[in-house]
Every structure is written in C-alpha cells, then in structure tokens.
N, C-alpha and C. Protein backbone atom coordinates (compact mmCIF):
# COMPACT_ATOMS: atom_id res chain seq x y z
N MET A 1 -60.97 84.96 140.61
CA MET A 1 -60.79 86.38 140.47
C MET A 1 -60.69 86.71 138.98
N ILE A 2 -61.39 87.76 138.58
CA ILE A 2 -61.36 88.20 137.19
C ILE A 2 -60.41 89.39 137.09
N ILE A 3 -59.51 89.33 136.11
CA ILE A 3 -58.54 90.41 135.91
C ILE A 3 -58.59 90.89 134.46
N THR A 4 -58.04 92.06 134.23
CA THR A 4 -57.93 92.60 132.88
C THR A 4 -56.49 92.44 132.42
N VAL A 5 -56.33 91.87 131.23
CA VAL A 5 -55.01 91.70 130.61
C VAL A 5 -55.06 92.39 129.26
N TYR A 6 -54.01 93.07 128.91
CA TYR A 6 -53.94 93.78 127.64
C TYR A 6 -52.97 93.06 126.71
N ARG A 7 -53.44 92.77 125.51
CA ARG A 7 -52.60 92.11 124.51
C ARG A 7 -52.19 93.17 123.50
N TYR A 8 -50.89 93.34 123.35
CA TYR A 8 -50.33 94.33 122.43
C TYR A 8 -49.87 93.64 121.16
N ASP A 9 -50.45 94.03 120.03
CA ASP A 9 -50.06 93.46 118.75
C ASP A 9 -48.69 93.98 118.36
N SER A 10 -47.84 93.08 117.95
CA SER A 10 -46.49 93.45 117.53
C SER A 10 -46.55 94.20 116.20
N GLU A 11 -45.68 95.17 116.06
CA GLU A 11 -45.57 95.91 114.80
C GLU A 11 -44.78 95.13 113.76
N PHE A 12 -44.07 94.11 114.21
CA PHE A 12 -43.16 93.39 113.33
C PHE A 12 -43.61 91.93 113.17
N ALA A 13 -43.54 91.42 111.95
CA ALA A 13 -44.01 90.07 111.66
C ALA A 13 -43.24 89.00 112.43
N ASN A 14 -41.96 89.23 112.69
CA ASN A 14 -41.14 88.20 113.33
C ASN A 14 -41.09 88.35 114.86
N VAL A 15 -41.87 89.27 115.42
CA VAL A 15 -41.86 89.49 116.86
C VAL A 15 -43.22 89.08 117.43
N GLU A 16 -43.18 88.28 118.49
CA GLU A 16 -44.42 87.82 119.14
C GLU A 16 -45.21 88.98 119.73
N ASP A 17 -46.53 88.82 119.80
CA ASP A 17 -47.36 89.79 120.52
C ASP A 17 -46.98 89.72 121.99
N ALA A 18 -47.30 90.77 122.73
CA ALA A 18 -47.00 90.82 124.16
C ALA A 18 -48.30 90.93 124.94
N ALA A 19 -48.27 90.53 126.21
CA ALA A 19 -49.42 90.68 127.09
C ALA A 19 -48.94 91.33 128.38
N SER A 20 -49.81 92.13 128.98
CA SER A 20 -49.42 92.87 130.17
C SER A 20 -50.64 93.21 131.01
N LEU A 21 -50.39 93.47 132.29
CA LEU A 21 -51.45 93.97 133.16
C LEU A 21 -51.54 95.49 133.05
N LEU A 22 -50.56 96.10 132.38
CA LEU A 22 -50.51 97.56 132.25
C LEU A 22 -51.41 98.02 131.12
N ALA A 23 -52.27 98.98 131.43
CA ALA A 23 -53.17 99.56 130.42
C ALA A 23 -52.36 100.42 129.46
N PRO A 24 -52.85 100.57 128.23
CA PRO A 24 -52.15 101.41 127.25
C PRO A 24 -52.05 102.86 127.75
N LEU A 25 -50.92 103.48 127.47
CA LEU A 25 -50.66 104.83 127.96
C LEU A 25 -51.14 105.92 127.01
N ASP A 26 -51.19 105.61 125.72
CA ASP A 26 -51.55 106.65 124.76
C ASP A 26 -52.36 106.05 123.62
N SER A 27 -52.82 106.90 122.70
CA SER A 27 -53.67 106.45 121.60
C SER A 27 -52.94 105.49 120.67
N GLU A 28 -51.64 105.66 120.49
CA GLU A 28 -50.87 104.75 119.64
C GLU A 28 -50.88 103.33 120.22
N GLN A 29 -50.65 103.24 121.54
CA GLN A 29 -50.70 101.93 122.19
C GLN A 29 -52.11 101.35 122.17
N ARG A 30 -53.12 102.19 122.41
CA ARG A 30 -54.51 101.71 122.40
C ARG A 30 -54.89 101.12 121.04
N ALA A 31 -54.37 101.70 119.98
CA ALA A 31 -54.67 101.22 118.63
C ALA A 31 -54.12 99.81 118.40
N ARG A 32 -53.05 99.44 119.09
CA ARG A 32 -52.43 98.12 118.93
C ARG A 32 -52.82 97.14 120.04
N CYS A 33 -53.80 97.51 120.84
CA CYS A 33 -54.09 96.77 122.05
C CYS A 33 -55.51 96.19 122.06
N THR A 34 -55.64 94.98 122.59
CA THR A 34 -56.94 94.36 122.81
C THR A 34 -57.06 94.04 124.29
N GLU A 35 -58.19 94.40 124.88
CA GLU A 35 -58.42 94.15 126.31
C GLU A 35 -59.15 92.83 126.49
N TYR A 36 -58.65 92.00 127.40
CA TYR A 36 -59.27 90.72 127.72
C TYR A 36 -59.63 90.70 129.20
N ARG A 37 -60.81 90.18 129.52
CA ARG A 37 -61.19 89.92 130.90
C ARG A 37 -61.05 88.41 131.07
N VAL A 38 -60.15 87.99 131.95
CA VAL A 38 -59.85 86.57 132.11
C VAL A 38 -59.97 86.16 133.57
N GLU A 39 -60.18 84.86 133.77
CA GLU A 39 -60.27 84.31 135.12
C GLU A 39 -58.88 83.86 135.57
N LEU A 40 -58.45 84.34 136.71
CA LEU A 40 -57.18 83.94 137.28
C LEU A 40 -57.40 82.61 138.00
N PRO A 41 -56.63 81.56 137.68
CA PRO A 41 -56.83 80.26 138.33
C PRO A 41 -56.60 80.33 139.84
N ASP A 42 -57.19 79.37 140.56
CA ASP A 42 -56.97 79.28 142.01
C ASP A 42 -55.49 79.19 142.31
N GLY A 43 -55.07 79.82 143.38
CA GLY A 43 -53.67 79.76 143.79
C GLY A 43 -52.83 80.92 143.26
N TYR A 44 -53.37 81.69 142.34
CA TYR A 44 -52.65 82.85 141.80
C TYR A 44 -53.28 84.13 142.35
N THR A 45 -52.44 85.12 142.59
CA THR A 45 -52.93 86.40 143.11
C THR A 45 -52.30 87.55 142.34
N VAL A 46 -52.97 88.69 142.40
CA VAL A 46 -52.42 89.92 141.83
C VAL A 46 -52.03 90.80 143.01
N GLU A 47 -50.78 91.22 143.02
CA GLU A 47 -50.27 92.04 144.12
C GLU A 47 -49.45 93.19 143.56
N ARG A 48 -49.30 94.22 144.36
CA ARG A 48 -48.46 95.35 143.97
C ARG A 48 -47.01 95.05 144.33
N THR A 49 -46.12 95.35 143.38
CA THR A 49 -44.69 95.16 143.63
C THR A 49 -44.16 96.39 144.37
N GLN A 50 -42.90 96.35 144.74
CA GLN A 50 -42.27 97.49 145.42
C GLN A 50 -42.26 98.72 144.54
N SER A 51 -42.24 98.53 143.23
CA SER A 51 -42.24 99.68 142.31
C SER A 51 -43.65 100.23 142.08
N GLY A 52 -44.67 99.56 142.68
CA GLY A 52 -46.04 100.04 142.57
C GLY A 52 -46.84 99.45 141.44
N GLU A 53 -46.23 98.61 140.61
CA GLU A 53 -46.95 97.97 139.51
C GLU A 53 -47.61 96.69 139.98
N GLU A 54 -48.70 96.32 139.31
CA GLU A 54 -49.36 95.06 139.64
C GLU A 54 -48.65 93.91 138.95
N ALA A 55 -48.57 92.78 139.64
CA ALA A 55 -47.94 91.59 139.08
C ALA A 55 -48.70 90.36 139.59
N ILE A 56 -48.55 89.26 138.88
CA ILE A 56 -49.20 88.02 139.26
C ILE A 56 -48.19 87.11 139.94
N PHE A 57 -48.62 86.48 141.03
CA PHE A 57 -47.76 85.58 141.79
C PHE A 57 -48.47 84.25 141.97
N ASN A 58 -47.68 83.17 142.00
CA ASN A 58 -48.26 81.84 142.23
C ASN A 58 -48.39 81.58 143.73
N ALA A 59 -48.85 80.39 144.08
CA ALA A 59 -49.08 80.03 145.49
C ALA A 59 -47.81 80.05 146.33
N HIS A 60 -46.64 79.97 145.67
CA HIS A 60 -45.36 79.98 146.39
C HIS A 60 -44.79 81.40 146.50
N GLY A 61 -45.55 82.38 146.02
CA GLY A 61 -45.08 83.77 146.08
C GLY A 61 -44.11 84.13 144.98
N GLU A 62 -44.02 83.28 143.95
CA GLU A 62 -43.10 83.54 142.84
C GLU A 62 -43.80 84.33 141.74
N TYR A 63 -43.08 85.25 141.13
CA TYR A 63 -43.59 86.07 140.04
C TYR A 63 -43.90 85.20 138.84
N VAL A 64 -45.03 85.46 138.20
CA VAL A 64 -45.48 84.69 137.03
C VAL A 64 -45.67 85.67 135.87
N THR A 65 -45.23 85.28 134.68
CA THR A 65 -45.33 86.13 133.50
C THR A 65 -46.65 85.92 132.78
N VAL A 66 -47.23 87.01 132.27
CA VAL A 66 -48.43 86.94 131.42
C VAL A 66 -47.93 86.87 129.99
N CYS A 67 -48.49 85.94 129.20
CA CYS A 67 -48.03 85.72 127.82
C CYS A 67 -49.17 85.80 126.82
N ALA A 68 -48.86 86.27 125.63
CA ALA A 68 -49.81 86.24 124.52
C ALA A 68 -49.49 85.01 123.68
N LEU A 69 -50.47 84.12 123.56
CA LEU A 69 -50.32 82.95 122.71
C LEU A 69 -51.19 83.15 121.47
N LYS A 70 -50.97 82.35 120.45
CA LYS A 70 -51.75 82.50 119.22
C LYS A 70 -53.24 82.37 119.47
N ASN A 71 -53.61 81.51 120.42
CA ASN A 71 -55.03 81.26 120.66
C ASN A 71 -55.54 81.86 121.97
N GLY A 72 -54.85 82.83 122.54
CA GLY A 72 -55.34 83.46 123.75
C GLY A 72 -54.24 83.99 124.65
N ILE A 73 -54.57 84.06 125.93
CA ILE A 73 -53.66 84.59 126.95
C ILE A 73 -53.34 83.46 127.92
N ALA A 74 -52.10 83.44 128.42
CA ALA A 74 -51.69 82.40 129.37
C ALA A 74 -50.74 82.99 130.40
N LEU A 75 -50.55 82.25 131.46
CA LEU A 75 -49.50 82.56 132.44
C LEU A 75 -48.35 81.62 132.13
N TYR A 76 -47.12 82.09 132.36
CA TYR A 76 -45.99 81.17 132.25
C TYR A 76 -45.47 80.95 133.66
N ASP A 77 -45.64 79.72 134.15
CA ASP A 77 -45.26 79.35 135.51
C ASP A 77 -44.53 78.01 135.43
N GLY A 78 -43.39 78.00 134.72
CA GLY A 78 -42.65 76.77 134.49
C GLY A 78 -43.27 75.97 133.34
N GLY A 79 -44.35 76.43 132.81
CA GLY A 79 -45.11 75.87 131.70
C GLY A 79 -46.30 76.80 131.47
N TYR A 80 -46.94 76.67 130.35
CA TYR A 80 -48.05 77.58 130.05
C TYR A 80 -49.32 77.14 130.76
N VAL A 81 -49.98 78.11 131.40
CA VAL A 81 -51.26 77.90 132.07
C VAL A 81 -52.27 78.78 131.34
N PRO A 82 -53.07 78.19 130.42
CA PRO A 82 -54.03 79.00 129.66
C PRO A 82 -55.05 79.67 130.59
N LEU A 83 -55.41 80.89 130.26
CA LEU A 83 -56.42 81.61 131.03
C LEU A 83 -57.75 81.58 130.29
N LYS A 84 -58.80 81.30 131.02
CA LYS A 84 -60.15 81.26 130.42
C LYS A 84 -60.71 82.67 130.37
N MET A 85 -61.44 82.93 129.29
CA MET A 85 -62.15 84.20 129.19
C MET A 85 -63.21 84.23 130.28
N ALA A 86 -63.34 85.37 130.93
CA ALA A 86 -64.31 85.51 132.01
C ALA A 86 -65.72 85.62 131.44
N LYS A 87 -66.65 84.99 132.10
CA LYS A 87 -68.05 85.15 131.75
C LYS A 87 -68.58 86.31 132.58
N GLU A 88 -68.97 87.34 131.91
CA GLU A 88 -69.51 88.49 132.63
C GLU A 88 -70.94 88.70 132.18
N TYR A 89 -71.75 89.01 133.12
CA TYR A 89 -73.16 89.18 132.84
C TYR A 89 -73.57 90.62 133.11
N THR A 90 -74.39 91.13 132.23
CA THR A 90 -74.93 92.46 132.42
C THR A 90 -76.23 92.31 133.19
N PRO A 91 -76.33 92.94 134.35
CA PRO A 91 -77.57 92.82 135.11
C PRO A 91 -78.75 93.37 134.30
N ALA A 92 -79.86 92.72 134.41
CA ALA A 92 -81.07 93.18 133.74
C ALA A 92 -82.23 93.00 134.69
N THR A 93 -83.24 93.80 134.52
CA THR A 93 -84.43 93.65 135.34
C THR A 93 -85.47 92.83 134.60
N VAL A 94 -86.38 92.27 135.35
CA VAL A 94 -87.47 91.50 134.75
C VAL A 94 -88.23 92.40 133.78
N GLU A 95 -88.49 93.64 134.20
CA GLU A 95 -89.24 94.56 133.35
C GLU A 95 -88.51 94.83 132.03
N GLN A 96 -87.19 95.06 132.07
CA GLN A 96 -86.43 95.31 130.84
C GLN A 96 -86.52 94.13 129.88
N LEU A 97 -86.34 92.94 130.41
CA LEU A 97 -86.37 91.75 129.57
C LEU A 97 -87.78 91.48 129.03
N ARG A 98 -88.79 91.70 129.87
CA ARG A 98 -90.17 91.49 129.43
C ARG A 98 -90.52 92.45 128.29
N LYS A 99 -90.17 93.71 128.46
CA LYS A 99 -90.49 94.71 127.44
C LYS A 99 -89.72 94.45 126.15
N LYS A 100 -88.49 93.97 126.27
CA LYS A 100 -87.68 93.63 125.10
C LYS A 100 -88.37 92.56 124.25
N LEU A 101 -89.09 91.67 124.91
CA LEU A 101 -89.82 90.60 124.22
C LEU A 101 -91.21 91.04 123.77
N GLY A 102 -91.59 92.26 124.15
CA GLY A 102 -92.91 92.77 123.75
C GLY A 102 -94.05 92.13 124.52
N LEU A 103 -93.79 91.69 125.74
CA LEU A 103 -94.81 91.03 126.56
C LEU A 103 -95.40 92.00 127.57
N ARG A 104 -96.68 91.78 127.87
CA ARG A 104 -97.31 92.48 128.99
C ARG A 104 -97.09 91.64 130.24
N GLN A 105 -97.29 92.24 131.41
CA GLN A 105 -97.12 91.49 132.65
C GLN A 105 -98.02 90.26 132.69
N ILE A 106 -99.26 90.40 132.25
CA ILE A 106 -100.19 89.28 132.26
C ILE A 106 -99.74 88.16 131.31
N ASP A 107 -99.11 88.56 130.19
CA ASP A 107 -98.58 87.56 129.25
C ASP A 107 -97.47 86.75 129.91
N LEU A 108 -96.59 87.44 130.63
CA LEU A 108 -95.49 86.76 131.31
C LEU A 108 -96.03 85.85 132.41
N ALA A 109 -97.05 86.30 133.11
CA ALA A 109 -97.67 85.48 134.14
C ALA A 109 -98.23 84.19 133.52
N ASP A 110 -98.90 84.32 132.39
CA ASP A 110 -99.47 83.15 131.71
C ASP A 110 -98.38 82.19 131.23
N LEU A 111 -97.30 82.74 130.69
CA LEU A 111 -96.20 81.91 130.18
C LEU A 111 -95.51 81.12 131.29
N THR A 112 -95.39 81.74 132.46
CA THR A 112 -94.60 81.14 133.54
C THR A 112 -95.42 80.36 134.56
N GLY A 113 -96.72 80.66 134.62
CA GLY A 113 -97.54 80.06 135.68
C GLY A 113 -97.36 80.77 137.01
N ILE A 114 -96.71 81.92 136.98
CA ILE A 114 -96.50 82.73 138.18
C ILE A 114 -97.64 83.76 138.23
N SER A 115 -98.12 84.04 139.42
CA SER A 115 -99.24 84.98 139.53
C SER A 115 -98.84 86.38 139.06
N LEU A 116 -99.82 87.14 138.58
CA LEU A 116 -99.58 88.51 138.13
C LEU A 116 -98.96 89.33 139.26
N ARG A 117 -99.43 89.15 140.48
CA ARG A 117 -98.89 89.91 141.62
C ARG A 117 -97.40 89.61 141.81
N GLN A 118 -97.00 88.35 141.65
CA GLN A 118 -95.58 88.01 141.80
C GLN A 118 -94.74 88.61 140.67
N ILE A 119 -95.28 88.67 139.46
CA ILE A 119 -94.58 89.32 138.35
C ILE A 119 -94.39 90.79 138.68
N GLN A 120 -95.44 91.44 139.19
CA GLN A 120 -95.35 92.86 139.56
C GLN A 120 -94.31 93.07 140.65
N ARG A 121 -94.29 92.21 141.64
CA ARG A 121 -93.29 92.32 142.71
C ARG A 121 -91.87 92.11 142.16
N ALA A 122 -91.72 91.15 141.25
CA ALA A 122 -90.40 90.89 140.66
C ALA A 122 -89.90 92.13 139.91
N GLU A 123 -90.80 92.89 139.33
CA GLU A 123 -90.41 94.10 138.60
C GLU A 123 -90.19 95.30 139.50
N ASN A 124 -90.91 95.37 140.61
CA ASN A 124 -90.88 96.57 141.44
C ASN A 124 -90.04 96.48 142.71
N GLU A 125 -89.72 95.27 143.14
CA GLU A 125 -88.94 95.08 144.36
C GLU A 125 -87.62 94.40 143.99
N PRO A 126 -86.51 95.15 144.01
CA PRO A 126 -85.22 94.64 143.51
C PRO A 126 -84.79 93.27 144.05
N ASP A 127 -85.05 92.97 145.31
CA ASP A 127 -84.58 91.70 145.87
C ASP A 127 -85.59 90.57 145.79
N TYR A 128 -86.77 90.85 145.27
CA TYR A 128 -87.82 89.82 145.24
C TYR A 128 -87.40 88.61 144.40
N VAL A 129 -86.77 88.86 143.26
CA VAL A 129 -86.37 87.75 142.37
C VAL A 129 -85.42 86.80 143.10
N LYS A 130 -84.52 87.34 143.92
CA LYS A 130 -83.56 86.50 144.64
C LYS A 130 -84.24 85.58 145.64
N ASN A 131 -85.46 85.94 146.06
CA ASN A 131 -86.16 85.16 147.08
C ASN A 131 -87.30 84.31 146.53
N MET A 132 -87.43 84.24 145.21
CA MET A 132 -88.47 83.42 144.60
C MET A 132 -88.16 81.94 144.80
N SER A 133 -89.18 81.12 144.67
CA SER A 133 -88.94 79.68 144.72
C SER A 133 -88.10 79.31 143.49
N ALA A 134 -87.36 78.22 143.59
CA ALA A 134 -86.52 77.77 142.48
C ALA A 134 -87.38 77.52 141.24
N ARG A 135 -88.55 76.92 141.41
CA ARG A 135 -89.45 76.64 140.30
C ARG A 135 -89.85 77.92 139.58
N ASN A 136 -90.26 78.93 140.34
CA ASN A 136 -90.68 80.19 139.72
C ASN A 136 -89.51 80.92 139.08
N PHE A 137 -88.36 80.87 139.72
CA PHE A 137 -87.17 81.54 139.18
C PHE A 137 -86.78 80.92 137.84
N VAL A 138 -86.76 79.60 137.77
CA VAL A 138 -86.40 78.90 136.53
C VAL A 138 -87.44 79.20 135.45
N ALA A 139 -88.71 79.20 135.80
CA ALA A 139 -89.77 79.50 134.84
C ALA A 139 -89.62 80.92 134.30
N LEU A 140 -89.28 81.84 135.17
CA LEU A 140 -89.09 83.24 134.77
C LEU A 140 -87.90 83.37 133.82
N CYS A 141 -86.78 82.76 134.18
CA CYS A 141 -85.58 82.80 133.32
C CYS A 141 -85.86 82.19 131.96
N ASP A 142 -86.54 81.05 131.95
CA ASP A 142 -86.87 80.38 130.68
C ASP A 142 -87.75 81.25 129.81
N ALA A 143 -88.79 81.83 130.39
CA ALA A 143 -89.73 82.65 129.61
C ALA A 143 -89.06 83.91 129.07
N LEU A 144 -88.12 84.47 129.82
CA LEU A 144 -87.45 85.70 129.41
C LEU A 144 -86.21 85.43 128.56
N GLY A 145 -85.81 84.16 128.46
CA GLY A 145 -84.59 83.83 127.73
C GLY A 145 -83.37 84.39 128.42
N ALA A 146 -83.42 84.45 129.75
CA ALA A 146 -82.36 85.09 130.53
C ALA A 146 -81.46 84.06 131.19
N ASP A 147 -80.18 84.38 131.27
CA ASP A 147 -79.27 83.61 132.09
C ASP A 147 -79.58 83.98 133.54
N PRO A 148 -79.65 83.03 134.46
CA PRO A 148 -79.97 83.36 135.85
C PRO A 148 -79.08 84.45 136.45
N HIS A 149 -77.83 84.51 136.02
CA HIS A 149 -76.93 85.53 136.56
C HIS A 149 -77.39 86.95 136.23
N GLU A 150 -78.09 87.10 135.11
CA GLU A 150 -78.57 88.43 134.71
C GLU A 150 -79.57 88.99 135.71
N LEU A 151 -80.37 88.10 136.30
CA LEU A 151 -81.45 88.55 137.16
C LEU A 151 -81.08 88.67 138.63
N ILE A 152 -79.97 88.05 139.04
CA ILE A 152 -79.66 88.06 140.48
C ILE A 152 -78.47 88.92 140.86
N LYS A 153 -77.98 89.74 139.95
CA LYS A 153 -76.84 90.62 140.28
C LYS A 153 -77.30 91.72 141.19
C-alpha cells in the first residue's frame, strides 16, 4: 500500500524534524513541509482512530509512530522500520511516447519488428497493449524507452 507522509522541517536547530500523516493546514505549514509517497510494509495498515484521524497500526493492532530520520521516513515499532519511496508511474500512450521521440508509426514498426497494423491498434485501442505477446510488448517498451508500467496502467 502506498501512503502519503508529510515531513515538517523544524524551525529550531536543536529540534528534530517531524513526520505525520496529517496534511499541512495552512501556507506557513506548507512552506515547512515536504510530501513523500512511501510504501507501507506488509503487515501494517492505515486506519481511522476514534477521533477520526488516520493512524498506522502493526499486525498486532498496535499504534505505530511515523518518524523523520536524517535519511528519510521510518516507522517506529519497537525499532526503526525504514520506509521505501514509492515508485509511481505516469501512464503514457504508445502514441505520446512515439511522438516524443519524433518517430512515425512506420518507423516504430521497423524498429520493433511489429506490423504497422499492430502499432496502429496499440495507439488506437486502449487495451490492445495489455494483450500483446510478451515479445512484442518488450520490443515496444525497448524502442520507446518506456518502463512497462507506463504502458499498462
């Protein structure tokens, strides 16, 4: 599960930065805040507390604290559990990526060994790329310089 954590820079040199699931409330807080998208490890969940705020709980249902460390964000669950930055992909179409490279459809067909008709279908039929053969899909990703996740969202 990917969650958003906000790191608040301390105004004071001797006070640690803070991390929270709560978004900044005003422009002053936003100015001191950095937003992180992180992956929550298996066994941890985000749930609403009785007061209505979101909190993180471990597999035993115990509350876990979000912490700002010098090199990132972590959970404190009897010890620090570093959180990995989430990999997020922006969906892109074959046509967008092809045009970005300055290629014509026939050029892409030649580069990939995929027929011109299949290139046209990949551009015009949203689910066609998801149903391509693995060989053609890999050839298309390689030619476009695309991460596979970009094309199958």
